[in-house]
Amino acid sequence: MITVQFKQNTHKEWVAMEASGHALSGEYGHDLVCAAVSTLTISLVNNIERLTGIAPIVSLDPDGGYLYMERPEGLNDNQLGIFQLLVESTYLALSEDVAGNYAEYLTVTIS
């Protein structure tokens, strides 16, 4: 199972996301849940950098199965707004669209 945990600060702002595990919903190369989660989480990281001009803090396992992303310090108001929108969009896509259809393979939480 894949678990994705989104983290918010006391102001309910998104500050981090951690995805770990393997869905095992299909054979290697044909696992739709894994492909969806990978696409959404990697796109989140890439689009934060593309649209804010600032790279998020990232840690990952190059062999797959783990990705951690954290909001960097020093974002201006515009960059912070973009970051919040992108993370919210990814949270909704994972929690409602993917987990909504494949709950046995994916758990999404907020802490």
PDB file of N, CA and C in Angstrom:
ATOM      1  N   MET A   1       0.837  -1.178   0.000  1.00  0.00           N
ATOM      2  CA  MET A   1       0.000   0.000   0.000  1.00  0.00           C
ATOM      3  C   MET A   1       0.882   1.241   0.000  1.00  0.00           C
ATOM      4  N   ILE A   2       0.413   2.271  -0.694  1.00  0.00           N
ATOM      5  CA  ILE A   2       1.083   3.566  -0.682  1.00  0.00           C
ATOM      6  C   ILE A   2       0.390   4.443   0.352  1.00  0.00           C
ATOM      7  N   THR A   3       1.195   5.133   1.150  1.00  0.00           N
ATOM      8  CA  THR A   3       0.646   6.117   2.068  1.00  0.00           C
ATOM      9  C   THR A   3       1.221   7.485   1.688  1.00  0.00           C
ATOM     10  N   VAL A   4       0.349   8.471   1.630  1.00  0.00           N
ATOM     11  CA  VAL A   4       0.778   9.839   1.358  1.00  0.00           C
ATOM     12  C   VAL A   4       0.277  10.695   2.508  1.00  0.00           C
ATOM     13  N   GLN A   5       1.211  11.350   3.165  1.00  0.00           N
ATOM     14  CA  GLN A   5       0.862  12.212   4.286  1.00  0.00           C
ATOM     15  C   GLN A   5       1.206  13.652   3.916  1.00  0.00           C
ATOM     16  N   PHE A   6       0.198  14.496   3.964  1.00  0.00           N
ATOM     17  CA  PHE A   6       0.386  15.926   3.747  1.00  0.00           C
ATOM     18  C   PHE A   6       0.454  16.582   5.112  1.00  0.00           C
ATOM     19  N   LYS A   7       1.321  17.577   5.232  1.00  0.00           N
ATOM     20  CA  LYS A   7       1.500  18.241   6.520  1.00  0.00           C
ATOM     21  C   LYS A   7       1.140  19.718   6.393  1.00  0.00           C
ATOM     22  N   GLN A   8       0.407  20.195   7.410  1.00  0.00           N
ATOM     23  CA  GLN A   8       0.037  21.601   7.486  1.00  0.00           C
ATOM     24  C   GLN A   8       0.595  22.208   8.768  1.00  0.00           C
ATOM     25  N   ASN A   9       0.829  23.529   8.731  1.00  0.00           N
ATOM     26  CA  ASN A   9       1.263  24.203   9.951  1.00  0.00           C
ATOM     27  C   ASN A   9       0.024  24.641  10.744  1.00  0.00           C
ATOM     28  N   THR A  10       0.230  25.381  11.813  1.00  0.00           N
ATOM     29  CA  THR A  10      -0.884  25.782  12.673  1.00  0.00           C
ATOM     30  C   THR A  10      -1.837  26.758  11.981  1.00  0.00           C
ATOM     31  N   HIS A  11      -1.408  27.358  10.873  1.00  0.00           N
ATOM     32  CA  HIS A  11      -2.252  28.274  10.097  1.00  0.00           C
ATOM     33  C   HIS A  11      -2.976  27.544   8.966  1.00  0.00           C
ATOM     34  N   LYS A  12      -2.893  26.217   8.963  1.00  0.00           N
ATOM     35  CA  LYS A  12      -3.504  25.361   7.930  1.00  0.00           C
ATOM     36  C   LYS A  12      -2.893  25.587   6.546  1.00  0.00           C
ATOM     37  N   GLU A  13      -1.627  26.018   6.520  1.00  0.00           N
ATOM     38  CA  GLU A  13      -0.893  26.140   5.262  1.00  0.00           C
ATOM     39  C   GLU A  13      -0.176  24.824   5.005  1.00  0.00           C
ATOM     40  N   TRP A  14      -0.153  24.412   3.750  1.00  0.00           N
ATOM     41  CA  TRP A  14       0.581  23.202   3.375  1.00  0.00           C
ATOM     42  C   TRP A  14       2.067  23.461   3.525  1.00  0.00           C
ATOM     43  N   VAL A  15       2.778  22.528   4.155  1.00  0.00           N
ATOM     44  CA  VAL A  15       4.218  22.704   4.349  1.00  0.00           C
ATOM     45  C   VAL A  15       5.051  21.522   3.851  1.00  0.00           C
ATOM     46  N   ALA A  16       4.451  20.342   3.729  1.00  0.00           N
ATOM     47  CA  ALA A  16       5.229  19.174   3.294  1.00  0.00           C
ATOM     48  C   ALA A  16       4.310  18.055   2.815  1.00  0.00           C
ATOM     49  N   MET A  17       4.913  17.115   2.116  1.00  0.00           N
ATOM     50  CA  MET A  17       4.216  15.920   1.651  1.00  0.00           C
ATOM     51  C   MET A  17       5.213  14.771   1.659  1.00  0.00           C
ATOM     52  N   GLU A  18       4.771  13.609   2.122  1.00  0.00           N
ATOM     53  CA  GLU A  18       5.621  12.424   2.144  1.00  0.00           C
ATOM     54  C   GLU A  18       4.834  11.246   1.586  1.00  0.00           C
ATOM     55  N   ALA A  19       5.381  10.623   0.561  1.00  0.00           N
ATOM     56  CA  ALA A  19       4.750   9.451  -0.058  1.00  0.00           C
ATOM     57  C   ALA A  19       5.698   8.270   0.086  1.00  0.00           C
ATOM     58  N   SER A  20       5.142   7.125   0.523  1.00  0.00           N
ATOM     59  CA  SER A  20       5.982   5.940   0.672  1.00  0.00           C
ATOM     60  C   SER A  20       5.176   4.678   0.431  1.00  0.00           C
ATOM     61  N   GLY A  21       5.896   3.651   0.038  1.00  0.00           N
ATOM     62  CA  GLY A  21       5.281   2.346  -0.165  1.00  0.00           C
ATOM     63  C   GLY A  21       5.072   2.011  -1.629  1.00  0.00           C
ATOM     64  N   HIS A  22       4.473   0.867  -1.831  1.00  0.00           N
ATOM     65  CA  HIS A  22       4.177   0.367  -3.171  1.00  0.00           C
ATOM     66  C   HIS A  22       2.730  -0.099  -3.205  1.00  0.00           C
ATOM     67  N   ALA A  23       2.033   0.235  -4.269  1.00  0.00           N
ATOM     68  CA  ALA A  23       0.610  -0.115  -4.365  1.00  0.00           C
ATOM     69  C   ALA A  23       0.404  -1.613  -4.574  1.00  0.00           C
ATOM     70  N   LEU A  24       1.207  -2.208  -5.433  1.00  0.00           N
ATOM     71  CA  LEU A  24       1.064  -3.625  -5.779  1.00  0.00           C
ATOM     72  C   LEU A  24      -0.339  -3.933  -6.309  1.00  0.00           C
ATOM     73  N   SER A  25      -0.880  -2.983  -7.079  1.00  0.00           N
ATOM     74  CA  SER A  25      -2.211  -3.185  -7.658  1.00  0.00           C
ATOM     75  C   SER A  25      -2.152  -3.837  -9.030  1.00  0.00           C
ATOM     76  N   GLY A  26      -0.957  -4.055  -9.527  1.00  0.00           N
ATOM     77  CA  GLY A  26      -0.762  -4.703 -10.819  1.00  0.00           C
ATOM     78  C   GLY A  26       0.695  -5.083 -10.955  1.00  0.00           C
ATOM     79  N   GLU A  27       0.998  -5.820 -11.996  1.00  0.00           N
ATOM     80  CA  GLU A  27       2.388  -6.237 -12.192  1.00  0.00           C
ATOM     81  C   GLU A  27       3.255  -5.021 -12.505  1.00  0.00           C
ATOM     82  N   TYR A  28       4.548  -5.153 -12.242  1.00  0.00           N
ATOM     83  CA  TYR A  28       5.492  -4.058 -12.452  1.00  0.00           C
ATOM     84  C   TYR A  28       5.342  -3.518 -13.877  1.00  0.00           C
ATOM     85  N   GLY A  29       5.234  -2.215 -13.978  1.00  0.00           N
ATOM     86  CA  GLY A  29       5.073  -1.577 -15.269  1.00  0.00           C
ATOM     87  C   GLY A  29       3.622  -1.425 -15.695  1.00  0.00           C
ATOM     88  N   HIS A  30       2.712  -2.059 -14.951  1.00  0.00           N
ATOM     89  CA  HIS A  30       1.284  -1.983 -15.271  1.00  0.00           C
ATOM     90  C   HIS A  30       0.457  -1.650 -14.033  1.00  0.00           C
ATOM     91  N   ASP A  31       1.100  -1.050 -13.039  1.00  0.00           N
ATOM     92  CA  ASP A  31       0.439  -0.702 -11.779  1.00  0.00           C
ATOM     93  C   ASP A  31      -0.129   0.711 -11.910  1.00  0.00           C
ATOM     94  N   LEU A  32      -1.440   0.809 -12.160  1.00  0.00           N
ATOM     95  CA  LEU A  32      -2.077   2.096 -12.397  1.00  0.00           C
ATOM     96  C   LEU A  32      -2.024   3.017 -11.188  1.00  0.00           C
ATOM     97  N   VAL A  33      -2.174   2.463  -9.991  1.00  0.00           N
ATOM     98  CA  VAL A  33      -2.149   3.291  -8.787  1.00  0.00           C
ATOM     99  C   VAL A  33      -0.749   3.866  -8.582  1.00  0.00           C
ATOM    100  N   CYS A  34       0.246   3.053  -8.734  1.00  0.00           N
ATOM    101  CA  CYS A  34       1.628   3.518  -8.606  1.00  0.00           C
ATOM    102  C   CYS A  34       1.918   4.603  -9.652  1.00  0.00           C
ATOM    103  N   ALA A  35       1.484   4.385 -10.863  1.00  0.00           N
ATOM    104  CA  ALA A  35       1.710   5.366 -11.925  1.00  0.00           C
ATOM    105  C   ALA A  35       1.019   6.689 -11.609  1.00  0.00           C
ATOM    106  N   ALA A  36      -0.201   6.622 -11.114  1.00  0.00           N
ATOM    107  CA  ALA A  36      -0.942   7.839 -10.782  1.00  0.00           C
ATOM    108  C   ALA A  36      -0.263   8.611  -9.657  1.00  0.00           C
ATOM    109  N   VAL A  37       0.093   7.909  -8.590  1.00  0.00           N
ATOM    110  CA  VAL A  37       0.735   8.567  -7.448  1.00  0.00           C
ATOM    111  C   VAL A  37       2.086   9.139  -7.858  1.00  0.00           C
ATOM    112  N   SER A  38       2.860   8.383  -8.597  1.00  0.00           N
ATOM    113  CA  SER A  38       4.165   8.866  -9.046  1.00  0.00           C
ATOM    114  C   SER A  38       4.025  10.102  -9.920  1.00  0.00           C
ATOM    115  N   THR A  39       3.114  10.057 -10.851  1.00  0.00           N
ATOM    116  CA  THR A  39       2.911  11.193 -11.751  1.00  0.00           C
ATOM    117  C   THR A  39       2.486  12.439 -10.983  1.00  0.00           C
ATOM    118  N   LEU A  40       1.525  12.289 -10.097  1.00  0.00           N
ATOM    119  CA  LEU A  40       1.026  13.450  -9.355  1.00  0.00           C
ATOM    120  C   LEU A  40       2.074  14.032  -8.415  1.00  0.00           C
ATOM    121  N   THR A  41       2.796  13.187  -7.691  1.00  0.00           N
ATOM    122  CA  THR A  41       3.755  13.707  -6.712  1.00  0.00           C
ATOM    123  C   THR A  41       5.002  14.290  -7.384  1.00  0.00           C
ATOM    124  N   ILE A  42       5.477  13.658  -8.436  1.00  0.00           N
ATOM    125  CA  ILE A  42       6.639  14.196  -9.148  1.00  0.00           C
ATOM    126  C   ILE A  42       6.259  15.478  -9.888  1.00  0.00           C
ATOM    127  N   SER A  43       5.061  15.518 -10.444  1.00  0.00           N
ATOM    128  CA  SER A  43       4.582  16.750 -11.084  1.00  0.00           C
ATOM    129  C   SER A  43       4.472  17.882 -10.077  1.00  0.00           C
ATOM    130  N   LEU A  44       4.040  17.571  -8.859  1.00  0.00           N
ATOM    131  CA  LEU A  44       3.972  18.587  -7.816  1.00  0.00           C
ATOM    132  C   LEU A  44       5.339  19.226  -7.603  1.00  0.00           C
ATOM    133  N   VAL A  45       6.335  18.409  -7.401  1.00  0.00           N
ATOM    134  CA  VAL A  45       7.690  18.918  -7.166  1.00  0.00           C
ATOM    135  C   VAL A  45       8.171  19.741  -8.365  1.00  0.00           C
ATOM    136  N   ASN A  46       8.010  19.200  -9.556  1.00  0.00           N
ATOM    137  CA  ASN A  46       8.471  19.908 -10.761  1.00  0.00           C
ATOM    138  C   ASN A  46       7.727  21.220 -10.978  1.00  0.00           C
ATOM    139  N   ASN A  47       6.416  21.213 -10.777  1.00  0.00           N
ATOM    140  CA  ASN A  47       5.631  22.422 -11.022  1.00  0.00           C
ATOM    141  C   ASN A  47       5.859  23.493  -9.970  1.00  0.00           C
ATOM    142  N   ILE A  48       6.162  23.100  -8.747  1.00  0.00           N
ATOM    143  CA  ILE A  48       6.533  24.104  -7.741  1.00  0.00           C
ATOM    144  C   ILE A  48       7.753  24.869  -8.227  1.00  0.00           C
ATOM    145  N   GLU A  49       8.753  24.147  -8.694  1.00  0.00           N
ATOM    146  CA  GLU A  49       9.969  24.803  -9.175  1.00  0.00           C
ATOM    147  C   GLU A  49       9.699  25.618 -10.440  1.00  0.00           C
ATOM    148  N   ARG A  50       8.933  25.042 -11.372  1.00  0.00           N
ATOM    149  CA  ARG A  50       8.640  25.749 -12.622  1.00  0.00           C
ATOM    150  C   ARG A  50       7.882  27.050 -12.383  1.00  0.00           C
ATOM    151  N   LEU A  51       6.888  27.011 -11.512  1.00  0.00           N
ATOM    152  CA  LEU A  51       5.983  28.146 -11.361  1.00  0.00           C
ATOM    153  C   LEU A  51       6.375  29.140 -10.282  1.00  0.00           C
ATOM    154  N   THR A  52       7.240  28.729  -9.339  1.00  0.00           N
ATOM    155  CA  THR A  52       7.699  29.673  -8.313  1.00  0.00           C
ATOM    156  C   THR A  52       9.142  30.108  -8.548  1.00  0.00           C
ATOM    157  N   GLY A  53       9.893  29.319  -9.305  1.00  0.00           N
ATOM    158  CA  GLY A  53      11.300  29.617  -9.517  1.00  0.00           C
ATOM    159  C   GLY A  53      12.187  29.200  -8.352  1.00  0.00           C
ATOM    160  N   ILE A  54      11.587  28.532  -7.360  1.00  0.00           N
ATOM    161  CA  ILE A  54      12.342  28.074  -6.197  1.00  0.00           C
ATOM    162  C   ILE A  54      12.139  26.573  -6.033  1.00  0.00           C
ATOM    163  N   ALA A  55      13.224  25.858  -5.852  1.00  0.00           N
ATOM    164  CA  ALA A  55      13.143  24.400  -5.702  1.00  0.00           C
ATOM    165  C   ALA A  55      12.698  24.034  -4.293  1.00  0.00           C
ATOM    166  N   PRO A  56      11.713  23.147  -4.167  1.00  0.00           N
ATOM    167  CA  PRO A  56      11.358  22.660  -2.840  1.00  0.00           C
ATOM    168  C   PRO A  56      12.464  21.759  -2.302  1.00  0.00           C
ATOM    169  N   ILE A  57      12.441  21.532  -1.006  1.00  0.00           N
ATOM    170  CA  ILE A  57      13.367  20.595  -0.376  1.00  0.00           C
ATOM    171  C   ILE A  57      12.853  19.198  -0.679  1.00  0.00           C
ATOM    172  N   VAL A  58      13.696  18.354  -1.260  1.00  0.00           N
ATOM    173  CA  VAL A  58      13.257  17.032  -1.712  1.00  0.00           C
ATOM    174  C   VAL A  58      14.227  15.959  -1.237  1.00  0.00           C
ATOM    175  N   SER A  59      13.646  14.838  -0.827  1.00  0.00           N
ATOM    176  CA  SER A  59      14.404  13.632  -0.522  1.00  0.00           C
ATOM    177  C   SER A  59      13.659  12.487  -1.175  1.00  0.00           C
ATOM    178  N   LEU A  60      14.397  11.618  -1.841  1.00  0.00           N
ATOM    179  CA  LEU A  60      13.724  10.492  -2.492  1.00  0.00           C
ATOM    180  C   LEU A  60      14.628   9.284  -2.558  1.00  0.00           C
ATOM    181  N   ASP A  61      13.993   8.154  -2.749  1.00  0.00           N
ATOM    182  CA  ASP A  61      14.711   6.906  -2.989  1.00  0.00           C
ATOM    183  C   ASP A  61      14.784   6.738  -4.496  1.00  0.00           C
ATOM    184  N   PRO A  62      15.972   6.769  -5.086  1.00  0.00           N
ATOM    185  CA  PRO A  62      16.078   6.659  -6.541  1.00  0.00           C
ATOM    186  C   PRO A  62      15.527   5.339  -7.097  1.00  0.00           C
ATOM    187  N   ASP A  63      15.375   4.334  -6.246  1.00  0.00           N
ATOM    188  CA  ASP A  63      14.809   3.061  -6.691  1.00  0.00           C
ATOM    189  C   ASP A  63      13.288   3.053  -6.591  1.00  0.00           C
ATOM    190  N   GLY A  64      12.704   4.147  -6.112  1.00  0.00           N
ATOM    191  CA  GLY A  64      11.251   4.265  -6.027  1.00  0.00           C
ATOM    192  C   GLY A  64      10.726   3.932  -4.649  1.00  0.00           C
ATOM    193  N   GLY A  65       9.471   4.286  -4.438  1.00  0.00           N
ATOM    194  CA  GLY A  65       8.802   3.945  -3.191  1.00  0.00           C
ATOM    195  C   GLY A  65       8.905   4.982  -2.098  1.00  0.00           C
ATOM    196  N   TYR A  66       9.608   6.110  -2.343  1.00  0.00           N
ATOM    197  CA  TYR A  66       9.690   7.140  -1.313  1.00  0.00           C
ATOM    198  C   TYR A  66       9.977   8.500  -1.934  1.00  0.00           C
ATOM    199  N   LEU A  67       9.174   9.503  -1.542  1.00  0.00           N
ATOM    200  CA  LEU A  67       9.398  10.890  -1.945  1.00  0.00           C
ATOM    201  C   LEU A  67       8.937  11.800  -0.814  1.00  0.00           C
ATOM    202  N   TYR A  68       9.824  12.692  -0.404  1.00  0.00           N
ATOM    203  CA  TYR A  68       9.500  13.706   0.608  1.00  0.00           C
ATOM    204  C   TYR A  68       9.725  15.065  -0.034  1.00  0.00           C
ATOM    205  N   MET A  69       8.764  15.984   0.155  1.00  0.00           N
ATOM    206  CA  MET A  69       8.862  17.332  -0.374  1.00  0.00           C
ATOM    207  C   MET A  69       8.461  18.298   0.726  1.00  0.00           C
ATOM    208  N   GLU A  70       9.260  19.347   0.895  1.00  0.00           N
ATOM    209  CA  GLU A  70       8.989  20.347   1.925  1.00  0.00           C
ATOM    210  C   GLU A  70       9.087  21.747   1.330  1.00  0.00           C
ATOM    211  N   ARG A  71       8.234  22.636   1.811  1.00  0.00           N
ATOM    212  CA  ARG A  71       8.248  24.020   1.363  1.00  0.00           C
ATOM    213  C   ARG A  71       9.543  24.691   1.817  1.00  0.00           C
ATOM    214  N   PRO A  72      10.231  25.341   0.898  1.00  0.00           N
ATOM    215  CA  PRO A  72      11.456  26.044   1.293  1.00  0.00           C
ATOM    216  C   PRO A  72      11.122  27.356   1.987  1.00  0.00           C
ATOM    217  N   GLU A  73      12.068  27.880   2.710  1.00  0.00           N
ATOM    218  CA  GLU A  73      11.924  29.188   3.352  1.00  0.00           C
ATOM    219  C   GLU A  73      12.099  30.277   2.293  1.00  0.00           C
ATOM    220  N   GLY A  74      11.624  31.462   2.614  1.00  0.00           N
ATOM    221  CA  GLY A  74      11.898  32.626   1.772  1.00  0.00           C
ATOM    222  C   GLY A  74      10.971  32.836   0.602  1.00  0.00           C
ATOM    223  N   LEU A  75       9.832  32.155   0.566  1.00  0.00           N
ATOM    224  CA  LEU A  75       8.885  32.378  -0.519  1.00  0.00           C
ATOM    225  C   LEU A  75       8.179  33.718  -0.330  1.00  0.00           C
ATOM    226  N   ASN A  76       8.021  34.473  -1.422  1.00  0.00           N
ATOM    227  CA  ASN A  76       7.238  35.699  -1.319  1.00  0.00           C
ATOM    228  C   ASN A  76       5.749  35.338  -1.377  1.00  0.00           C
ATOM    229  N   ASP A  77       4.877  36.311  -1.229  1.00  0.00           N
ATOM    230  CA  ASP A  77       3.439  36.025  -1.168  1.00  0.00           C
ATOM    231  C   ASP A  77       2.928  35.334  -2.423  1.00  0.00           C
ATOM    232  N   ASN A  78       3.389  35.751  -3.594  1.00  0.00           N
ATOM    233  CA  ASN A  78       2.971  35.129  -4.845  1.00  0.00           C
ATOM    234  C   ASN A  78       3.438  33.675  -4.918  1.00  0.00           C
ATOM    235  N   GLN A  79       4.689  33.443  -4.595  1.00  0.00           N
ATOM    236  CA  GLN A  79       5.233  32.085  -4.606  1.00  0.00           C
ATOM    237  C   GLN A  79       4.513  31.203  -3.598  1.00  0.00           C
ATOM    238  N   LEU A  80       4.223  31.741  -2.424  1.00  0.00           N
ATOM    239  CA  LEU A  80       3.513  30.989  -1.400  1.00  0.00           C
ATOM    240  C   LEU A  80       2.112  30.625  -1.874  1.00  0.00           C
ATOM    241  N   GLY A  81       1.434  31.545  -2.538  1.00  0.00           N
ATOM    242  CA  GLY A  81       0.106  31.262  -3.076  1.00  0.00           C
ATOM    243  C   GLY A  81       0.134  30.156  -4.110  1.00  0.00           C
ATOM    244  N   ILE A  82       1.124  30.186  -4.989  1.00  0.00           N
ATOM    245  CA  ILE A  82       1.268  29.138  -6.000  1.00  0.00           C
ATOM    246  C   ILE A  82       1.552  27.798  -5.329  1.00  0.00           C
ATOM    247  N   PHE A  83       2.469  27.810  -4.362  1.00  0.00           N
ATOM    248  CA  PHE A  83       2.798  26.578  -3.639  1.00  0.00           C
ATOM    249  C   PHE A  83       1.540  25.990  -3.004  1.00  0.00           C
ATOM    250  N   GLN A  84       0.757  26.812  -2.316  1.00  0.00           N
ATOM    251  CA  GLN A  84      -0.448  26.335  -1.641  1.00  0.00           C
ATOM    252  C   GLN A  84      -1.446  25.747  -2.631  1.00  0.00           C
ATOM    253  N   LEU A  85      -1.648  26.403  -3.753  1.00  0.00           N
ATOM    254  CA  LEU A  85      -2.587  25.921  -4.769  1.00  0.00           C
ATOM    255  C   LEU A  85      -2.138  24.589  -5.368  1.00  0.00           C
ATOM    256  N   LEU A  86      -0.854  24.476  -5.664  1.00  0.00           N
ATOM    257  CA  LEU A  86      -0.348  23.229  -6.243  1.00  0.00           C
ATOM    258  C   LEU A  86      -0.472  22.059  -5.269  1.00  0.00           C
ATOM    259  N   VAL A  87      -0.141  22.292  -4.004  1.00  0.00           N
ATOM    260  CA  VAL A  87      -0.237  21.207  -3.024  1.00  0.00           C
ATOM    261  C   VAL A  87      -1.699  20.839  -2.785  1.00  0.00           C
ATOM    262  N   GLU A  88      -2.566  21.825  -2.684  1.00  0.00           N
ATOM    263  CA  GLU A  88      -4.003  21.552  -2.502  1.00  0.00           C
ATOM    264  C   GLU A  88      -4.545  20.725  -3.668  1.00  0.00           C
ATOM    265  N   SER A  89      -4.169  21.096  -4.865  1.00  0.00           N
ATOM    266  CA  SER A  89      -4.608  20.369  -6.059  1.00  0.00           C
ATOM    267  C   SER A  89      -4.125  18.920  -6.037  1.00  0.00           C
ATOM    268  N   THR A  90      -2.885  18.719  -5.650  1.00  0.00           N
ATOM    269  CA  THR A  90      -2.340  17.362  -5.566  1.00  0.00           C
ATOM    270  C   THR A  90      -3.026  16.572  -4.467  1.00  0.00           C
ATOM    271  N   TYR A  91      -3.262  17.201  -3.330  1.00  0.00           N
ATOM    272  CA  TYR A  91      -3.981  16.532  -2.245  1.00  0.00           C
ATOM    273  C   TYR A  91      -5.364  16.073  -2.715  1.00  0.00           C
ATOM    274  N   LEU A  92      -6.101  16.952  -3.372  1.00  0.00           N
ATOM    275  CA  LEU A  92      -7.443  16.596  -3.838  1.00  0.00           C
ATOM    276  C   LEU A  92      -7.401  15.476  -4.873  1.00  0.00           C
ATOM    277  N   ALA A  93      -6.457  15.553  -5.790  1.00  0.00           N
ATOM    278  CA  ALA A  93      -6.349  14.516  -6.820  1.00  0.00           C
ATOM    279  C   ALA A  93      -6.049  13.158  -6.194  1.00  0.00           C
ATOM    280  N   LEU A  94      -5.129  13.132  -5.236  1.00  0.00           N
ATOM    281  CA  LEU A  94      -4.775  11.860  -4.604  1.00  0.00           C
ATOM    282  C   LEU A  94      -5.881  11.354  -3.685  1.00  0.00           C
ATOM    283  N   SER A  95      -6.417  12.229  -2.841  1.00  0.00           N
ATOM    284  CA  SER A  95      -7.380  11.771  -1.832  1.00  0.00           C
ATOM    285  C   SER A  95      -8.750  11.475  -2.413  1.00  0.00           C
ATOM    286  N   GLU A  96      -9.197  12.256  -3.376  1.00  0.00           N
ATOM    287  CA  GLU A  96     -10.541  12.056  -3.910  1.00  0.00           C
ATOM    288  C   GLU A  96     -10.559  11.230  -5.188  1.00  0.00           C
ATOM    289  N   ASP A  97      -9.662  11.527  -6.101  1.00  0.00           N
ATOM    290  CA  ASP A  97      -9.693  10.840  -7.389  1.00  0.00           C
ATOM    291  C   ASP A  97      -9.039   9.459  -7.341  1.00  0.00           C
ATOM    292  N   VAL A  98      -7.815   9.396  -6.857  1.00  0.00           N
ATOM    293  CA  VAL A  98      -7.111   8.109  -6.854  1.00  0.00           C
ATOM    294  C   VAL A  98      -7.572   7.241  -5.681  1.00  0.00           C
ATOM    295  N   ALA A  99      -7.433   7.737  -4.459  1.00  0.00           N
ATOM    296  CA  ALA A  99      -7.840   6.926  -3.294  1.00  0.00           C
ATOM    297  C   ALA A  99      -9.346   6.684  -3.288  1.00  0.00           C
ATOM    298  N   GLY A 100     -10.102   7.612  -3.853  1.00  0.00           N
ATOM    299  CA  GLY A 100     -11.541   7.420  -3.937  1.00  0.00           C
ATOM    300  C   GLY A 100     -11.936   6.204  -4.763  1.00  0.00           C
ATOM    301  N   ASN A 101     -11.083   5.832  -5.695  1.00  0.00           N
ATOM    302  CA  ASN A 101     -11.342   4.676  -6.544  1.00  0.00           C
ATOM    303  C   ASN A 101     -10.498   3.456  -6.197  1.00  0.00           C
ATOM    304  N   TYR A 102      -9.406   3.667  -5.482  1.00  0.00           N
ATOM    305  CA  TYR A 102      -8.469   2.579  -5.180  1.00  0.00           C
ATOM    306  C   TYR A 102      -8.038   2.620  -3.713  1.00  0.00           C
ATOM    307  N   ALA A 103      -8.991   2.738  -2.811  1.00  0.00           N
ATOM    308  CA  ALA A 103      -8.689   2.887  -1.383  1.00  0.00           C
ATOM    309  C   ALA A 103      -7.914   1.709  -0.808  1.00  0.00           C
ATOM    310  N   GLU A 104      -8.022   0.551  -1.412  1.00  0.00           N
ATOM    311  CA  GLU A 104      -7.287  -0.606  -0.894  1.00  0.00           C
ATOM    312  C   GLU A 104      -5.792  -0.537  -1.202  1.00  0.00           C
ATOM    313  N   TYR A 105      -5.392   0.422  -2.072  1.00  0.00           N
ATOM    314  CA  TYR A 105      -3.989   0.539  -2.456  1.00  0.00           C
ATOM    315  C   TYR A 105      -3.349   1.861  -2.042  1.00  0.00           C
ATOM    316  N   LEU A 106      -4.171   2.833  -1.591  1.00  0.00           N
ATOM    317  CA  LEU A 106      -3.659   4.164  -1.299  1.00  0.00           C
ATOM    318  C   LEU A 106      -4.391   4.785  -0.120  1.00  0.00           C
ATOM    319  N   THR A 107      -3.606   5.307   0.835  1.00  0.00           N
ATOM    320  CA  THR A 107      -4.149   6.063   1.968  1.00  0.00           C
ATOM    321  C   THR A 107      -3.542   7.457   1.928  1.00  0.00           C
ATOM    322  N   VAL A 108      -4.398   8.456   2.056  1.00  0.00           N
ATOM    323  CA  VAL A 108      -3.950   9.857   2.039  1.00  0.00           C
ATOM    324  C   VAL A 108      -4.436  10.501   3.338  1.00  0.00           C
ATOM    325  N   THR A 109      -3.506  11.148   4.062  1.00  0.00           N
ATOM    326  CA  THR A 109      -3.861  11.794   5.327  1.00  0.00           C
ATOM    327  C   THR A 109      -3.266  13.192   5.390  1.00  0.00           C
ATOM    328  N   ILE A 110      -3.788  13.966   6.365  1.00  0.00           N
ATOM    329  CA  ILE A 110      -3.243  15.294   6.682  1.00  0.00           C
ATOM    330  C   ILE A 110      -2.861  15.287   8.147  1.00  0.00           C
ATOM    331  N   SER A 111      -1.696  15.824   8.422  1.00  0.00           N
ATOM    332  CA  SER A 111      -1.287  15.966   9.833  1.00  0.00           C
ATOM    333  C   SER A 111      -0.824  17.387  10.084  1.00  0.00           C
TER     334      SER A 111
END
